[in-house]
Amino acid sequence: MSEAKTRAISLRLDEDRAARLDELAAATDRSRAWHLERAVDSYLEDQAWQVAHIEKGLADADAGQTLPHDQVRDWLATWGCKKESDPPT
């Protein structure tokens, strides 16, 4: 099995974050790099999801697939009520 190619990247953290990262690494018996890799993976997944949904929304708007503001406003006004309305379509 071949090892994945990696690249070193420098990261500066303030003292508090660095100390918290060191505490987490010690508490979990994992390296700082291990935790940082997972944090970056999570961030990249979140951002990719957001960008994809923004792009879809813009494409829908460009295609005229939108809802009138008053329909959305009226639906949102029912949130938290006993008889919450179904979302407009």
N, C-alpha and C. Protein backbone atom coordinates (compact mmCIF):
# COMPACT_ATOMS: atom_id res chain seq x y z
N MET A 1 0.85 -1.17 0.00
CA MET A 1 0.00 0.00 0.00
C MET A 1 0.90 1.23 0.00
N SER A 2 0.66 2.13 -0.95
CA SER A 2 1.49 3.32 -1.01
C SER A 2 0.97 4.39 -0.06
N GLU A 3 1.89 5.20 0.40
CA GLU A 3 1.55 6.26 1.33
C GLU A 3 1.05 7.48 0.55
N ALA A 4 0.00 8.12 1.05
CA ALA A 4 -0.54 9.30 0.39
C ALA A 4 0.47 10.43 0.44
N LYS A 5 0.53 11.19 -0.63
CA LYS A 5 1.42 12.35 -0.65
C LYS A 5 0.88 13.41 0.30
N THR A 6 1.77 14.00 1.03
CA THR A 6 1.37 15.07 1.95
C THR A 6 2.25 16.28 1.70
N ARG A 7 1.80 17.40 2.21
CA ARG A 7 2.55 18.64 2.09
C ARG A 7 2.45 19.38 3.40
N ALA A 8 3.56 19.88 3.85
CA ALA A 8 3.58 20.66 5.10
C ALA A 8 3.01 22.05 4.84
N ILE A 9 2.16 22.47 5.75
CA ILE A 9 1.59 23.82 5.69
C ILE A 9 1.76 24.44 7.06
N SER A 10 2.23 25.66 7.08
CA SER A 10 2.43 26.36 8.34
C SER A 10 1.13 27.00 8.80
N LEU A 11 0.91 27.00 10.10
CA LEU A 11 -0.30 27.59 10.67
C LEU A 11 0.09 28.33 11.94
N ARG A 12 -0.32 29.56 12.04
CA ARG A 12 -0.08 30.33 13.26
C ARG A 12 -1.38 30.39 14.05
N LEU A 13 -1.27 30.08 15.34
CA LEU A 13 -2.41 30.17 16.24
C LEU A 13 -2.03 31.06 17.40
N ASP A 14 -3.03 31.75 17.95
CA ASP A 14 -2.74 32.51 19.16
C ASP A 14 -2.46 31.53 20.30
N GLU A 15 -1.88 32.05 21.37
CA GLU A 15 -1.45 31.19 22.48
C GLU A 15 -2.59 30.37 23.07
N ASP A 16 -3.77 30.98 23.20
CA ASP A 16 -4.89 30.26 23.79
C ASP A 16 -5.30 29.08 22.93
N ARG A 17 -5.45 29.28 21.63
CA ARG A 17 -5.83 28.18 20.74
C ARG A 17 -4.77 27.09 20.73
N ALA A 18 -3.51 27.49 20.68
CA ALA A 18 -2.42 26.51 20.68
C ALA A 18 -2.44 25.69 21.96
N ALA A 19 -2.68 26.33 23.10
CA ALA A 19 -2.74 25.61 24.37
C ALA A 19 -3.93 24.66 24.40
N ARG A 20 -5.07 25.11 23.91
CA ARG A 20 -6.25 24.25 23.87
C ARG A 20 -6.02 23.05 22.96
N LEU A 21 -5.37 23.29 21.83
CA LEU A 21 -5.05 22.19 20.92
C LEU A 21 -4.10 21.20 21.59
N ASP A 22 -3.10 21.70 22.27
CA ASP A 22 -2.17 20.83 22.98
C ASP A 22 -2.88 20.01 24.06
N GLU A 23 -3.80 20.63 24.79
CA GLU A 23 -4.56 19.92 25.82
C GLU A 23 -5.41 18.82 25.20
N LEU A 24 -6.06 19.12 24.09
CA LEU A 24 -6.87 18.13 23.40
C LEU A 24 -6.00 16.97 22.91
N ALA A 25 -4.87 17.30 22.32
CA ALA A 25 -3.97 16.26 21.82
C ALA A 25 -3.52 15.35 22.96
N ALA A 26 -3.17 15.93 24.09
CA ALA A 26 -2.72 15.14 25.23
C ALA A 26 -3.86 14.29 25.79
N ALA A 27 -5.04 14.87 25.89
CA ALA A 27 -6.18 14.16 26.46
C ALA A 27 -6.62 12.99 25.59
N THR A 28 -6.41 13.09 24.30
CA THR A 28 -6.87 12.04 23.38
C THR A 28 -5.74 11.14 22.90
N ASP A 29 -4.54 11.45 23.33
CA ASP A 29 -3.35 10.71 22.90
C ASP A 29 -3.23 10.70 21.37
N ARG A 30 -3.54 11.84 20.79
CA ARG A 30 -3.42 12.06 19.35
C ARG A 30 -2.54 13.28 19.13
N SER A 31 -1.96 13.38 17.96
CA SER A 31 -1.10 14.52 17.67
C SER A 31 -1.92 15.76 17.33
N ARG A 32 -1.26 16.90 17.43
CA ARG A 32 -1.91 18.14 16.99
C ARG A 32 -2.29 18.03 15.52
N ALA A 33 -1.37 17.46 14.71
CA ALA A 33 -1.63 17.33 13.28
C ALA A 33 -2.87 16.49 13.01
N TRP A 34 -3.05 15.43 13.78
CA TRP A 34 -4.22 14.56 13.61
C TRP A 34 -5.50 15.38 13.81
N HIS A 35 -5.54 16.16 14.88
CA HIS A 35 -6.73 16.99 15.16
C HIS A 35 -6.91 18.07 14.10
N LEU A 36 -5.83 18.69 13.69
CA LEU A 36 -5.93 19.75 12.69
C LEU A 36 -6.41 19.20 11.35
N GLU A 37 -5.95 18.01 10.97
CA GLU A 37 -6.42 17.41 9.72
C GLU A 37 -7.92 17.19 9.75
N ARG A 38 -8.44 16.70 10.87
CA ARG A 38 -9.87 16.48 10.98
C ARG A 38 -10.65 17.79 11.00
N ALA A 39 -10.09 18.79 11.63
CA ALA A 39 -10.74 20.10 11.65
C ALA A 39 -10.80 20.69 10.24
N VAL A 40 -9.72 20.56 9.50
CA VAL A 40 -9.70 21.07 8.12
C VAL A 40 -10.68 20.28 7.25
N ASP A 41 -10.71 18.95 7.41
CA ASP A 41 -11.67 18.14 6.65
C ASP A 41 -13.10 18.59 6.91
N SER A 42 -13.44 18.79 8.17
CA SER A 42 -14.78 19.21 8.54
C SER A 42 -15.11 20.58 7.94
N TYR A 43 -14.18 21.51 8.04
CA TYR A 43 -14.38 22.85 7.50
C TYR A 43 -14.58 22.80 5.99
N LEU A 44 -13.74 22.03 5.30
CA LEU A 44 -13.85 21.94 3.84
C LEU A 44 -15.17 21.32 3.41
N GLU A 45 -15.62 20.30 4.13
CA GLU A 45 -16.92 19.69 3.82
C GLU A 45 -18.05 20.70 4.02
N ASP A 46 -18.02 21.43 5.13
CA ASP A 46 -19.06 22.44 5.40
C ASP A 46 -19.08 23.50 4.32
N GLN A 47 -17.92 23.99 3.95
CA GLN A 47 -17.85 25.05 2.96
C GLN A 47 -18.27 24.55 1.58
N ALA A 48 -17.88 23.32 1.22
CA ALA A 48 -18.30 22.76 -0.07
C ALA A 48 -19.81 22.61 -0.12
N TRP A 49 -20.42 22.16 0.99
CA TRP A 49 -21.87 22.05 1.05
C TRP A 49 -22.52 23.41 0.85
N GLN A 50 -22.01 24.41 1.55
CA GLN A 50 -22.59 25.75 1.45
C GLN A 50 -22.46 26.31 0.03
N VAL A 51 -21.28 26.20 -0.55
CA VAL A 51 -21.07 26.71 -1.91
C VAL A 51 -21.98 26.00 -2.90
N ALA A 52 -22.12 24.67 -2.78
CA ALA A 52 -22.99 23.92 -3.69
C ALA A 52 -24.43 24.39 -3.58
N HIS A 53 -24.91 24.64 -2.36
CA HIS A 53 -26.29 25.08 -2.18
C HIS A 53 -26.50 26.51 -2.65
N ILE A 54 -25.51 27.35 -2.49
CA ILE A 54 -25.60 28.71 -3.01
C ILE A 54 -25.67 28.67 -4.53
N GLU A 55 -24.79 27.86 -5.14
CA GLU A 55 -24.79 27.76 -6.61
C GLU A 55 -26.12 27.22 -7.12
N LYS A 56 -26.69 26.22 -6.42
CA LYS A 56 -27.99 25.69 -6.83
C LYS A 56 -29.06 26.76 -6.70
N GLY A 57 -29.04 27.50 -5.61
CA GLY A 57 -30.02 28.56 -5.43
C GLY A 57 -29.92 29.63 -6.50
N LEU A 58 -28.71 30.00 -6.85
CA LEU A 58 -28.52 30.99 -7.91
C LEU A 58 -28.99 30.45 -9.26
N ALA A 59 -28.72 29.17 -9.52
CA ALA A 59 -29.19 28.57 -10.78
C ALA A 59 -30.71 28.52 -10.81
N ASP A 60 -31.33 28.17 -9.68
CA ASP A 60 -32.80 28.16 -9.61
C ASP A 60 -33.35 29.57 -9.86
N ALA A 61 -32.73 30.57 -9.25
CA ALA A 61 -33.19 31.95 -9.44
C ALA A 61 -33.02 32.36 -10.90
N ASP A 62 -31.89 32.02 -11.50
CA ASP A 62 -31.67 32.35 -12.91
C ASP A 62 -32.70 31.68 -13.81
N ALA A 63 -33.18 30.50 -13.40
CA ALA A 63 -34.18 29.77 -14.18
C ALA A 63 -35.60 30.21 -13.85
N GLY A 64 -35.73 31.20 -12.98
CA GLY A 64 -37.05 31.71 -12.62
C GLY A 64 -37.78 30.86 -11.60
N GLN A 65 -37.08 29.94 -10.96
CA GLN A 65 -37.71 29.08 -9.95
C GLN A 65 -37.60 29.75 -8.58
N THR A 66 -38.45 30.71 -8.35
CA THR A 66 -38.45 31.46 -7.10
C THR A 66 -39.87 31.50 -6.54
N LEU A 67 -39.97 31.95 -5.31
CA LEU A 67 -41.27 32.12 -4.66
C LEU A 67 -41.45 33.59 -4.32
N PRO A 68 -42.67 34.08 -4.40
CA PRO A 68 -42.92 35.46 -3.99
C PRO A 68 -42.60 35.66 -2.51
N HIS A 69 -42.05 36.82 -2.20
CA HIS A 69 -41.64 37.14 -0.83
C HIS A 69 -42.80 36.99 0.15
N ASP A 70 -43.98 37.47 -0.21
CA ASP A 70 -45.10 37.43 0.73
C ASP A 70 -45.49 36.00 1.10
N GLN A 71 -45.36 35.04 0.17
CA GLN A 71 -45.67 33.64 0.49
C GLN A 71 -44.69 33.09 1.52
N VAL A 72 -43.43 33.40 1.32
CA VAL A 72 -42.41 32.92 2.26
C VAL A 72 -42.59 33.60 3.62
N ARG A 73 -42.82 34.90 3.62
CA ARG A 73 -43.03 35.64 4.86
C ARG A 73 -44.21 35.07 5.64
N ASP A 74 -45.32 34.82 4.95
CA ASP A 74 -46.51 34.29 5.62
C ASP A 74 -46.26 32.90 6.19
N TRP A 75 -45.51 32.07 5.46
CA TRP A 75 -45.18 30.74 5.95
C TRP A 75 -44.29 30.82 7.19
N LEU A 76 -43.27 31.67 7.12
CA LEU A 76 -42.36 31.82 8.26
C LEU A 76 -43.09 32.34 9.50
N ALA A 77 -44.11 33.13 9.30
CA ALA A 77 -44.87 33.67 10.44
C ALA A 77 -45.59 32.57 11.21
N THR A 78 -45.78 31.40 10.59
CA THR A 78 -46.47 30.30 11.27
C THR A 78 -45.51 29.40 12.05
N TRP A 79 -44.22 29.61 11.90
CA TRP A 79 -43.24 28.77 12.62
C TRP A 79 -43.44 28.92 14.12
N GLY A 80 -43.47 27.81 14.80
CA GLY A 80 -43.65 27.82 16.25
C GLY A 80 -45.10 27.87 16.68
N CYS A 81 -46.01 27.97 15.73
CA CYS A 81 -47.43 27.97 16.05
C CYS A 81 -47.94 26.53 16.10
N LYS A 82 -49.07 26.34 16.74
CA LYS A 82 -49.64 24.99 16.81
C LYS A 82 -49.97 24.44 15.43
N LYS A 83 -50.40 25.30 14.55
CA LYS A 83 -50.75 24.86 13.17
C LYS A 83 -49.78 25.50 12.20
N GLU A 84 -48.55 25.03 12.22
CA GLU A 84 -47.54 25.54 11.29
C GLU A 84 -47.94 25.18 9.87
N SER A 85 -47.85 26.13 8.97
CA SER A 85 -48.20 25.90 7.57
C SER A 85 -47.16 25.06 6.87
N ASP A 86 -47.58 24.40 5.82
CA ASP A 86 -46.62 23.71 4.95
C ASP A 86 -45.85 24.74 4.16
N PRO A 87 -44.60 24.45 3.82
CA PRO A 87 -43.83 25.42 3.04
C PRO A 87 -44.46 25.68 1.69
N PRO A 88 -44.35 26.90 1.19
CA PRO A 88 -44.90 27.19 -0.12
C PRO A 88 -44.10 26.44 -1.20
N THR A 89 -44.77 26.13 -2.27
CA THR A 89 -44.11 25.44 -3.38
C THR A 89 -44.29 26.18 -4.68
